[in-house]
Amino acid sequence: METASEGPTEFQIYAADPQLQSAACLVVMKENDKGIMLGDRIKLANGKITEAEHLVVRSGGSFPMNFSQPTLLKPRPGFAEDVPKAEQMKREDLKRIGLS
């Protein structure tokens, strides 16, 4: 990002899905010395990037696309902790819930 003026702060969420060969992140960082929220996603096929997308949310926009950095200082406790195998939900159930 050419306009990045500071890397991610304490608010960093990363997710990888080896089964679908995709990865994503949601971070708070600075662009031209102003706080932004950046979401990125990539998908691979045969070792090559086949999809890439990003979303930048800046301050000054209208709801819901308005970013106010003081509200997001770091992820909630436990957000990035691994779920024990015995407590994990089936992929199909997670997908159904996400699409509902």
PDB file of N, CA and C in Angstrom:
ATOM      1  N   MET A   1       0.845  -1.168   0.000  1.00  0.00           N
ATOM      2  CA  MET A   1       0.000   0.000   0.000  1.00  0.00           C
ATOM      3  C   MET A   1       0.894   1.236   0.000  1.00  0.00           C
ATOM      4  N   GLU A   2       0.862   2.016  -1.043  1.00  0.00           N
ATOM      5  CA  GLU A   2       1.729   3.186  -1.178  1.00  0.00           C
ATOM      6  C   GLU A   2       1.495   4.244  -0.116  1.00  0.00           C
ATOM      7  N   THR A   3       0.276   4.358   0.378  1.00  0.00           N
ATOM      8  CA  THR A   3      -0.049   5.421   1.318  1.00  0.00           C
ATOM      9  C   THR A   3       0.095   4.998   2.773  1.00  0.00           C
ATOM     10  N   ALA A   4       0.548   3.776   3.033  1.00  0.00           N
ATOM     11  CA  ALA A   4       0.733   3.311   4.410  1.00  0.00           C
ATOM     12  C   ALA A   4       1.831   4.117   5.080  1.00  0.00           C
ATOM     13  N   SER A   5       1.531   4.620   6.271  1.00  0.00           N
ATOM     14  CA  SER A   5       2.536   5.386   6.998  1.00  0.00           C
ATOM     15  C   SER A   5       2.938   4.704   8.302  1.00  0.00           C
ATOM     16  N   GLU A   6       2.238   3.626   8.674  1.00  0.00           N
ATOM     17  CA  GLU A   6       2.585   2.850   9.862  1.00  0.00           C
ATOM     18  C   GLU A   6       1.958   1.470   9.727  1.00  0.00           C
ATOM     19  N   GLY A   7       2.702   0.462  10.123  1.00  0.00           N
ATOM     20  CA  GLY A   7       2.204  -0.905  10.033  1.00  0.00           C
ATOM     21  C   GLY A   7       1.104  -1.190  11.038  1.00  0.00           C
ATOM     22  N   PRO A   8       0.614  -2.428  11.061  1.00  0.00           N
ATOM     23  CA  PRO A   8      -0.474  -2.793  11.961  1.00  0.00           C
ATOM     24  C   PRO A   8      -0.169  -2.507  13.429  1.00  0.00           C
ATOM     25  N   THR A   9      -1.200  -2.066  14.147  1.00  0.00           N
ATOM     26  CA  THR A   9      -1.120  -1.805  15.586  1.00  0.00           C
ATOM     27  C   THR A   9      -1.364  -3.121  16.315  1.00  0.00           C
ATOM     28  N   GLU A  10      -1.804  -3.033  17.572  1.00  0.00           N
ATOM     29  CA  GLU A  10      -2.116  -4.245  18.333  1.00  0.00           C
ATOM     30  C   GLU A  10      -3.326  -4.976  17.769  1.00  0.00           C
ATOM     31  N   PHE A  11      -4.202  -4.277  17.044  1.00  0.00           N
ATOM     32  CA  PHE A  11      -5.388  -4.934  16.490  1.00  0.00           C
ATOM     33  C   PHE A  11      -4.995  -5.636  15.204  1.00  0.00           C
ATOM     34  N   GLN A  12      -4.796  -6.963  15.312  1.00  0.00           N
ATOM     35  CA  GLN A  12      -4.424  -7.787  14.168  1.00  0.00           C
ATOM     36  C   GLN A  12      -5.139  -9.120  14.289  1.00  0.00           C
ATOM     37  N   ILE A  13      -5.905  -9.461  13.275  1.00  0.00           N
ATOM     38  CA  ILE A  13      -6.566 -10.763  13.231  1.00  0.00           C
ATOM     39  C   ILE A  13      -6.177 -11.415  11.910  1.00  0.00           C
ATOM     40  N   TYR A  14      -5.645 -12.620  12.011  1.00  0.00           N
ATOM     41  CA  TYR A  14      -5.235 -13.369  10.826  1.00  0.00           C
ATOM     42  C   TYR A  14      -5.964 -14.707  10.809  1.00  0.00           C
ATOM     43  N   ALA A  15      -6.334 -15.159   9.639  1.00  0.00           N
ATOM     44  CA  ALA A  15      -7.016 -16.443   9.507  1.00  0.00           C
ATOM     45  C   ALA A  15      -6.531 -17.135   8.239  1.00  0.00           C
ATOM     46  N   ALA A  16      -6.280 -18.421   8.366  1.00  0.00           N
ATOM     47  CA  ALA A  16      -5.863 -19.214   7.213  1.00  0.00           C
ATOM     48  C   ALA A  16      -6.782 -20.418   7.095  1.00  0.00           C
ATOM     49  N   ASP A  17      -7.095 -20.778   5.875  1.00  0.00           N
ATOM     50  CA  ASP A  17      -7.911 -21.961   5.610  1.00  0.00           C
ATOM     51  C   ASP A  17      -7.140 -22.844   4.643  1.00  0.00           C
ATOM     52  N   PRO A  18      -6.319 -23.758   5.171  1.00  0.00           N
ATOM     53  CA  PRO A  18      -5.513 -24.609   4.296  1.00  0.00           C
ATOM     54  C   PRO A  18      -6.360 -25.448   3.336  1.00  0.00           C
ATOM     55  N   GLN A  19      -7.543 -25.850   3.776  1.00  0.00           N
ATOM     56  CA  GLN A  19      -8.404 -26.678   2.928  1.00  0.00           C
ATOM     57  C   GLN A  19      -8.816 -25.928   1.667  1.00  0.00           C
ATOM     58  N   LEU A  20      -9.146 -24.650   1.800  1.00  0.00           N
ATOM     59  CA  LEU A  20      -9.532 -23.837   0.638  1.00  0.00           C
ATOM     60  C   LEU A  20      -8.363 -23.048   0.056  1.00  0.00           C
ATOM     61  N   GLN A  21      -7.177 -23.201   0.656  1.00  0.00           N
ATOM     62  CA  GLN A  21      -5.985 -22.461   0.235  1.00  0.00           C
ATOM     63  C   GLN A  21      -6.249 -20.968   0.188  1.00  0.00           C
ATOM     64  N   SER A  22      -6.757 -20.431   1.294  1.00  0.00           N
ATOM     65  CA  SER A  22      -7.010 -19.004   1.363  1.00  0.00           C
ATOM     66  C   SER A  22      -6.553 -18.471   2.713  1.00  0.00           C
ATOM     67  N   ALA A  23      -6.316 -17.181   2.762  1.00  0.00           N
ATOM     68  CA  ALA A  23      -5.896 -16.516   3.991  1.00  0.00           C
ATOM     69  C   ALA A  23      -6.469 -15.106   3.986  1.00  0.00           C
ATOM     70  N   ALA A  24      -6.681 -14.581   5.197  1.00  0.00           N
ATOM     71  CA  ALA A  24      -7.251 -13.239   5.312  1.00  0.00           C
ATOM     72  C   ALA A  24      -6.693 -12.560   6.551  1.00  0.00           C
ATOM     73  N   CYS A  25      -6.792 -11.247   6.572  1.00  0.00           N
ATOM     74  CA  CYS A  25      -6.404 -10.492   7.760  1.00  0.00           C
ATOM     75  C   CYS A  25      -7.327  -9.289   7.911  1.00  0.00           C
ATOM     76  N   LEU A  26      -7.423  -8.833   9.154  1.00  0.00           N
ATOM     77  CA  LEU A  26      -8.136  -7.607   9.493  1.00  0.00           C
ATOM     78  C   LEU A  26      -7.236  -6.892  10.477  1.00  0.00           C
ATOM     79  N   VAL A  27      -6.723  -5.723  10.090  1.00  0.00           N
ATOM     80  CA  VAL A  27      -5.763  -4.998  10.924  1.00  0.00           C
ATOM     81  C   VAL A  27      -6.121  -3.523  10.996  1.00  0.00           C
ATOM     82  N   VAL A  28      -5.655  -2.890  12.059  1.00  0.00           N
ATOM     83  CA  VAL A  28      -5.733  -1.435  12.187  1.00  0.00           C
ATOM     84  C   VAL A  28      -4.327  -0.920  11.942  1.00  0.00           C
ATOM     85  N   MET A  29      -4.202   0.067  11.082  1.00  0.00           N
ATOM     86  CA  MET A  29      -2.902   0.641  10.763  1.00  0.00           C
ATOM     87  C   MET A  29      -3.083   2.102  10.387  1.00  0.00           C
ATOM     88  N   LYS A  30      -2.048   2.735   9.884  1.00  0.00           N
ATOM     89  CA  LYS A  30      -2.155   4.143   9.499  1.00  0.00           C
ATOM     90  C   LYS A  30      -1.881   4.323   8.016  1.00  0.00           C
ATOM     91  N   GLU A  31      -2.673   5.209   7.437  1.00  0.00           N
ATOM     92  CA  GLU A  31      -2.531   5.611   6.049  1.00  0.00           C
ATOM     93  C   GLU A  31      -2.441   7.127   6.075  1.00  0.00           C
ATOM     94  N   ASN A  32      -1.352   7.665   5.546  1.00  0.00           N
ATOM     95  CA  ASN A  32      -1.132   9.119   5.593  1.00  0.00           C
ATOM     96  C   ASN A  32      -1.321   9.658   7.006  1.00  0.00           C
ATOM     97  N   ASP A  33      -0.798   8.910   8.001  1.00  0.00           N
ATOM     98  CA  ASP A  33      -0.840   9.259   9.428  1.00  0.00           C
ATOM     99  C   ASP A  33      -2.233   9.292  10.036  1.00  0.00           C
ATOM    100  N   LYS A  34      -3.231   8.698   9.376  1.00  0.00           N
ATOM    101  CA  LYS A  34      -4.584   8.604   9.920  1.00  0.00           C
ATOM    102  C   LYS A  34      -4.952   7.134  10.067  1.00  0.00           C
ATOM    103  N   GLY A  35      -5.671   6.794  11.149  1.00  0.00           N
ATOM    104  CA  GLY A  35      -6.057   5.418  11.402  1.00  0.00           C
ATOM    105  C   GLY A  35      -7.024   4.881  10.356  1.00  0.00           C
ATOM    106  N   ILE A  36      -6.800   3.644   9.953  1.00  0.00           N
ATOM    107  CA  ILE A  36      -7.699   2.939   9.026  1.00  0.00           C
ATOM    108  C   ILE A  36      -7.845   1.493   9.485  1.00  0.00           C
ATOM    109  N   MET A  37      -8.865   0.841   8.998  1.00  0.00           N
ATOM    110  CA  MET A  37      -8.990  -0.600   9.167  1.00  0.00           C
ATOM    111  C   MET A  37      -8.816  -1.198   7.777  1.00  0.00           C
ATOM    112  N   LEU A  38      -7.957  -2.213   7.684  1.00  0.00           N
ATOM    113  CA  LEU A  38      -7.657  -2.852   6.404  1.00  0.00           C
ATOM    114  C   LEU A  38      -8.008  -4.325   6.485  1.00  0.00           C
ATOM    115  N   GLY A  39      -8.765  -4.787   5.541  1.00  0.00           N
ATOM    116  CA  GLY A  39      -9.069  -6.205   5.404  1.00  0.00           C
ATOM    117  C   GLY A  39      -8.520  -6.695   4.084  1.00  0.00           C
ATOM    118  N   ASP A  40      -7.794  -7.792   4.110  1.00  0.00           N
ATOM    119  CA  ASP A  40      -7.214  -8.397   2.899  1.00  0.00           C
ATOM    120  C   ASP A  40      -7.571  -9.868   2.841  1.00  0.00           C
ATOM    121  N   ARG A  41      -7.693 -10.406   1.620  1.00  0.00           N
ATOM    122  CA  ARG A  41      -7.948 -11.826   1.430  1.00  0.00           C
ATOM    123  C   ARG A  41      -7.261 -12.284   0.157  1.00  0.00           C
ATOM    124  N   ILE A  42      -6.629 -13.460   0.217  1.00  0.00           N
ATOM    125  CA  ILE A  42      -6.060 -14.066  -0.987  1.00  0.00           C
ATOM    126  C   ILE A  42      -6.494 -15.523  -1.059  1.00  0.00           C
ATOM    127  N   LYS A  43      -6.516 -16.046  -2.269  1.00  0.00           N
ATOM    128  CA  LYS A  43      -6.849 -17.449  -2.503  1.00  0.00           C
ATOM    129  C   LYS A  43      -5.837 -17.989  -3.508  1.00  0.00           C
ATOM    130  N   LEU A  44      -5.404 -19.213  -3.254  1.00  0.00           N
ATOM    131  CA  LEU A  44      -4.441 -19.864  -4.134  1.00  0.00           C
ATOM    132  C   LEU A  44      -5.070 -21.038  -4.865  1.00  0.00           C
ATOM    133  N   ALA A  45      -4.513 -21.345  -6.001  1.00  0.00           N
ATOM    134  CA  ALA A  45      -4.845 -22.563  -6.745  1.00  0.00           C
ATOM    135  C   ALA A  45      -3.557 -22.990  -7.432  1.00  0.00           C
ATOM    136  N   ASN A  46      -3.135 -24.219  -7.177  1.00  0.00           N
ATOM    137  CA  ASN A  46      -1.898 -24.746  -7.756  1.00  0.00           C
ATOM    138  C   ASN A  46      -0.695 -23.850  -7.454  1.00  0.00           C
ATOM    139  N   GLY A  47      -0.650 -23.302  -6.235  1.00  0.00           N
ATOM    140  CA  GLY A  47       0.479 -22.486  -5.814  1.00  0.00           C
ATOM    141  C   GLY A  47       0.504 -21.074  -6.369  1.00  0.00           C
ATOM    142  N   LYS A  48      -0.539 -20.645  -7.062  1.00  0.00           N
ATOM    143  CA  LYS A  48      -0.590 -19.295  -7.629  1.00  0.00           C
ATOM    144  C   LYS A  48      -1.791 -18.542  -7.063  1.00  0.00           C
ATOM    145  N   ILE A  49      -1.618 -17.251  -6.839  1.00  0.00           N
ATOM    146  CA  ILE A  49      -2.728 -16.428  -6.353  1.00  0.00           C
ATOM    147  C   ILE A  49      -3.758 -16.285  -7.459  1.00  0.00           C
ATOM    148  N   THR A  50      -4.983 -16.707  -7.176  1.00  0.00           N
ATOM    149  CA  THR A  50      -6.064 -16.623  -8.167  1.00  0.00           C
ATOM    150  C   THR A  50      -7.104 -15.569  -7.799  1.00  0.00           C
ATOM    151  N   GLU A  51      -7.127 -15.191  -6.525  1.00  0.00           N
ATOM    152  CA  GLU A  51      -8.055 -14.149  -6.071  1.00  0.00           C
ATOM    153  C   GLU A  51      -7.332 -13.292  -5.041  1.00  0.00           C
ATOM    154  N   ALA A  52      -7.603 -12.012  -5.078  1.00  0.00           N
ATOM    155  CA  ALA A  52      -7.074 -11.084  -4.077  1.00  0.00           C
ATOM    156  C   ALA A  52      -8.042  -9.917  -3.975  1.00  0.00           C
ATOM    157  N   GLU A  53      -8.352  -9.552  -2.748  1.00  0.00           N
ATOM    158  CA  GLU A  53      -9.230  -8.405  -2.564  1.00  0.00           C
ATOM    159  C   GLU A  53      -8.870  -7.711  -1.262  1.00  0.00           C
ATOM    160  N   HIS A  54      -9.220  -6.447  -1.185  1.00  0.00           N
ATOM    161  CA  HIS A  54      -8.987  -5.704   0.046  1.00  0.00           C
ATOM    162  C   HIS A  54     -10.103  -4.681   0.242  1.00  0.00           C
ATOM    163  N   LEU A  55     -10.244  -4.272   1.486  1.00  0.00           N
ATOM    164  CA  LEU A  55     -11.225  -3.256   1.853  1.00  0.00           C
ATOM    165  C   LEU A  55     -10.552  -2.340   2.855  1.00  0.00           C
ATOM    166  N   VAL A  56     -10.588  -1.034   2.595  1.00  0.00           N
ATOM    167  CA  VAL A  56     -10.027  -0.043   3.505  1.00  0.00           C
ATOM    168  C   VAL A  56     -11.186   0.788   4.045  1.00  0.00           C
ATOM    169  N   VAL A  57     -11.280   0.868   5.373  1.00  0.00           N
ATOM    170  CA  VAL A  57     -12.312   1.691   6.002  1.00  0.00           C
ATOM    171  C   VAL A  57     -11.614   2.862   6.670  1.00  0.00           C
ATOM    172  N   ARG A  58     -11.986   4.067   6.244  1.00  0.00           N
ATOM    173  CA  ARG A  58     -11.374   5.293   6.748  1.00  0.00           C
ATOM    174  C   ARG A  58     -12.380   6.072   7.591  1.00  0.00           C
ATOM    175  N   SER A  59     -11.890   7.038   8.360  1.00  0.00           N
ATOM    176  CA  SER A  59     -12.793   7.899   9.120  1.00  0.00           C
ATOM    177  C   SER A  59     -13.460   8.888   8.166  1.00  0.00           C
ATOM    178  N   GLY A  60     -14.573   9.418   8.594  1.00  0.00           N
ATOM    179  CA  GLY A  60     -15.267  10.412   7.791  1.00  0.00           C
ATOM    180  C   GLY A  60     -16.334   9.862   6.888  1.00  0.00           C
ATOM    181  N   GLY A  61     -16.419   8.539   6.777  1.00  0.00           N
ATOM    182  CA  GLY A  61     -17.451   7.936   5.946  1.00  0.00           C
ATOM    183  C   GLY A  61     -18.774   7.856   6.687  1.00  0.00           C
ATOM    184  N   SER A  62     -19.786   7.366   6.013  1.00  0.00           N
ATOM    185  CA  SER A  62     -21.085   7.209   6.656  1.00  0.00           C
ATOM    186  C   SER A  62     -21.212   5.791   7.198  1.00  0.00           C
ATOM    187  N   PHE A  63     -22.055   5.607   8.195  1.00  0.00           N
ATOM    188  CA  PHE A  63     -22.265   4.296   8.809  1.00  0.00           C
ATOM    189  C   PHE A  63     -22.745   3.310   7.762  1.00  0.00           C
ATOM    190  N   PRO A  64     -22.281   2.083   7.680  1.00  0.00           N
ATOM    191  CA  PRO A  64     -21.351   1.435   8.591  1.00  0.00           C
ATOM    192  C   PRO A  64     -19.897   1.566   8.165  1.00  0.00           C
ATOM    193  N   MET A  65     -19.623   2.278   7.091  1.00  0.00           N
ATOM    194  CA  MET A  65     -18.257   2.370   6.569  1.00  0.00           C
ATOM    195  C   MET A  65     -17.537   3.608   7.101  1.00  0.00           C
ATOM    196  N   ASN A  66     -17.470   3.717   8.419  1.00  0.00           N
ATOM    197  CA  ASN A  66     -16.760   4.810   9.060  1.00  0.00           C
ATOM    198  C   ASN A  66     -15.897   4.203  10.146  1.00  0.00           C
ATOM    199  N   PHE A  67     -14.637   4.543  10.162  1.00  0.00           N
ATOM    200  CA  PHE A  67     -13.710   3.947  11.109  1.00  0.00           C
ATOM    201  C   PHE A  67     -13.325   4.952  12.177  1.00  0.00           C
ATOM    202  N   SER A  68     -13.466   4.543  13.418  1.00  0.00           N
ATOM    203  CA  SER A  68     -13.052   5.354  14.552  1.00  0.00           C
ATOM    204  C   SER A  68     -12.073   4.522  15.365  1.00  0.00           C
ATOM    205  N   GLN A  69     -10.783   4.768  15.212  1.00  0.00           N
ATOM    206  CA  GLN A  69      -9.741   3.927  15.788  1.00  0.00           C
ATOM    207  C   GLN A  69      -9.862   3.696  17.294  1.00  0.00           C
ATOM    208  N   PRO A  70     -10.221   4.671  18.122  1.00  0.00           N
ATOM    209  CA  PRO A  70     -10.237   4.400  19.563  1.00  0.00           C
ATOM    210  C   PRO A  70     -11.157   3.248  19.976  1.00  0.00           C
ATOM    211  N   THR A  71     -12.121   2.888  19.153  1.00  0.00           N
ATOM    212  CA  THR A  71     -13.025   1.801  19.526  1.00  0.00           C
ATOM    213  C   THR A  71     -12.409   0.424  19.291  1.00  0.00           C
ATOM    214  N   LEU A  72     -11.348   0.334  18.503  1.00  0.00           N
ATOM    215  CA  LEU A  72     -10.721  -0.956  18.191  1.00  0.00           C
ATOM    216  C   LEU A  72      -9.225  -0.901  18.493  1.00  0.00           C
ATOM    217  N   LEU A  73      -8.885  -1.140  19.743  1.00  0.00           N
ATOM    218  CA  LEU A  73      -7.481  -1.086  20.109  1.00  0.00           C
ATOM    219  C   LEU A  73      -6.792  -2.438  19.983  1.00  0.00           C
ATOM    220  N   LYS A  74      -7.491  -3.507  20.338  1.00  0.00           N
ATOM    221  CA  LYS A  74      -6.949  -4.849  20.175  1.00  0.00           C
ATOM    222  C   LYS A  74      -8.115  -5.838  20.165  1.00  0.00           C
ATOM    223  N   PRO A  75      -7.914  -7.028  19.578  1.00  0.00           N
ATOM    224  CA  PRO A  75      -8.994  -8.017  19.530  1.00  0.00           C
ATOM    225  C   PRO A  75      -9.441  -8.428  20.933  1.00  0.00           C
ATOM    226  N   ARG A  76     -10.660  -8.903  21.032  1.00  0.00           N
ATOM    227  CA  ARG A  76     -11.170  -9.391  22.315  1.00  0.00           C
ATOM    228  C   ARG A  76     -10.318 -10.545  22.823  1.00  0.00           C
ATOM    229  N   PRO A  77     -10.152 -10.640  24.151  1.00  0.00           N
ATOM    230  CA  PRO A  77      -9.376 -11.756  24.702  1.00  0.00           C
ATOM    231  C   PRO A  77      -9.955 -13.095  24.239  1.00  0.00           C
ATOM    232  N   GLY A  78      -9.091 -14.005  23.907  1.00  0.00           N
ATOM    233  CA  GLY A  78      -9.519 -15.330  23.501  1.00  0.00           C
ATOM    234  C   GLY A  78      -9.895 -15.456  22.038  1.00  0.00           C
ATOM    235  N   PHE A  79      -9.969 -14.355  21.312  1.00  0.00           N
ATOM    236  CA  PHE A  79     -10.415 -14.407  19.922  1.00  0.00           C
ATOM    237  C   PHE A  79      -9.517 -15.280  19.057  1.00  0.00           C
ATOM    238  N   ALA A  80      -8.219 -15.196  19.272  1.00  0.00           N
ATOM    239  CA  ALA A  80      -7.277 -15.922  18.419  1.00  0.00           C
ATOM    240  C   ALA A  80      -6.835 -17.256  19.014  1.00  0.00           C
ATOM    241  N   GLU A  81      -7.433 -17.668  20.127  1.00  0.00           N
ATOM    242  CA  GLU A  81      -7.044 -18.941  20.728  1.00  0.00           C
ATOM    243  C   GLU A  81      -7.593 -20.114  19.919  1.00  0.00           C
ATOM    244  N   ASP A  82      -6.841 -21.196  19.913  1.00  0.00           N
ATOM    245  CA  ASP A  82      -7.291 -22.401  19.220  1.00  0.00           C
ATOM    246  C   ASP A  82      -8.451 -23.038  19.973  1.00  0.00           C
ATOM    247  N   VAL A  83      -9.415 -23.537  19.233  1.00  0.00           N
ATOM    248  CA  VAL A  83     -10.537 -24.271  19.820  1.00  0.00           C
ATOM    249  C   VAL A  83     -10.131 -25.739  19.878  1.00  0.00           C
ATOM    250  N   PRO A  84     -10.247 -26.362  21.048  1.00  0.00           N
ATOM    251  CA  PRO A  84      -9.893 -27.783  21.140  1.00  0.00           C
ATOM    252  C   PRO A  84     -10.667 -28.609  20.118  1.00  0.00           C
ATOM    253  N   LYS A  85     -10.011 -29.605  19.552  1.00  0.00           N
ATOM    254  CA  LYS A  85     -10.598 -30.440  18.500  1.00  0.00           C
ATOM    255  C   LYS A  85     -11.983 -30.964  18.887  1.00  0.00           C
ATOM    256  N   ALA A  86     -12.165 -31.387  20.138  1.00  0.00           N
ATOM    257  CA  ALA A  86     -13.443 -31.944  20.589  1.00  0.00           C
ATOM    258  C   ALA A  86     -14.565 -30.905  20.603  1.00  0.00           C
ATOM    259  N   GLU A  87     -14.207 -29.617  20.637  1.00  0.00           N
ATOM    260  CA  GLU A  87     -15.208 -28.550  20.690  1.00  0.00           C
ATOM    261  C   GLU A  87     -15.435 -27.876  19.338  1.00  0.00           C
ATOM    262  N   GLN A  88     -14.684 -28.267  18.320  1.00  0.00           N
ATOM    263  CA  GLN A  88     -14.807 -27.628  17.011  1.00  0.00           C
ATOM    264  C   GLN A  88     -16.091 -28.059  16.312  1.00  0.00           C
ATOM    265  N   MET A  89     -16.721 -27.095  15.644  1.00  0.00           N
ATOM    266  CA  MET A  89     -17.932 -27.379  14.875  1.00  0.00           C
ATOM    267  C   MET A  89     -17.539 -27.882  13.491  1.00  0.00           C
ATOM    268  N   LYS A  90     -18.472 -28.550  12.840  1.00  0.00           N
ATOM    269  CA  LYS A  90     -18.239 -29.025  11.478  1.00  0.00           C
ATOM    270  C   LYS A  90     -18.219 -27.831  10.527  1.00  0.00           C
ATOM    271  N   ARG A  91     -17.378 -27.936   9.511  1.00  0.00           N
ATOM    272  CA  ARG A  91     -17.235 -26.882   8.513  1.00  0.00           C
ATOM    273  C   ARG A  91     -18.578 -26.501   7.893  1.00  0.00           C
ATOM    274  N   GLU A  92     -19.395 -27.494   7.565  1.00  0.00           N
ATOM    275  CA  GLU A  92     -20.699 -27.228   6.944  1.00  0.00           C
ATOM    276  C   GLU A  92     -21.599 -26.402   7.862  1.00  0.00           C
ATOM    277  N   ASP A  93     -21.554 -26.694   9.167  1.00  0.00           N
ATOM    278  CA  ASP A  93     -22.373 -25.938  10.127  1.00  0.00           C
ATOM    279  C   ASP A  93     -21.884 -24.497  10.253  1.00  0.00           C
ATOM    280  N   LEU A  94     -20.569 -24.318  10.290  1.00  0.00           N
ATOM    281  CA  LEU A  94     -20.016 -22.963  10.356  1.00  0.00           C
ATOM    282  C   LEU A  94     -20.380 -22.152   9.119  1.00  0.00           C
ATOM    283  N   LYS A  95     -20.318 -22.803   7.958  1.00  0.00           N
ATOM    284  CA  LYS A  95     -20.665 -22.111   6.719  1.00  0.00           C
ATOM    285  C   LYS A  95     -22.146 -21.730   6.704  1.00  0.00           C
ATOM    286  N   ARG A  96     -23.004 -22.646   7.146  1.00  0.00           N
ATOM    287  CA  ARG A  96     -24.450 -22.369   7.197  1.00  0.00           C
ATOM    288  C   ARG A  96     -24.726 -21.197   8.126  1.00  0.00           C
ATOM    289  N   ILE A  97     -24.085 -21.173   9.307  1.00  0.00           N
ATOM    290  CA  ILE A  97     -24.280 -20.081  10.249  1.00  0.00           C
ATOM    291  C   ILE A  97     -23.793 -18.763   9.651  1.00  0.00           C
ATOM    292  N   GLY A  98     -22.632 -18.794   9.018  1.00  0.00           N
ATOM    293  CA  GLY A  98     -22.072 -17.573   8.417  1.00  0.00           C
ATOM    294  C   GLY A  98     -22.950 -17.008   7.307  1.00  0.00           C
ATOM    295  N   LEU A  99     -23.613 -17.876   6.587  1.00  0.00           N
ATOM    296  CA  LEU A  99     -24.455 -17.422   5.472  1.00  0.00           C
ATOM    297  C   LEU A  99     -25.894 -17.091   5.904  1.00  0.00           C
ATOM    298  N   SER A 100     -26.208 -17.338   7.179  1.00  0.00           N
ATOM    299  CA  SER A 100     -27.590 -17.081   7.624  1.00  0.00           C
ATOM    300  C   SER A 100     -27.819 -15.622   7.963  1.00  0.00           C
TER     301      SER A 100
END
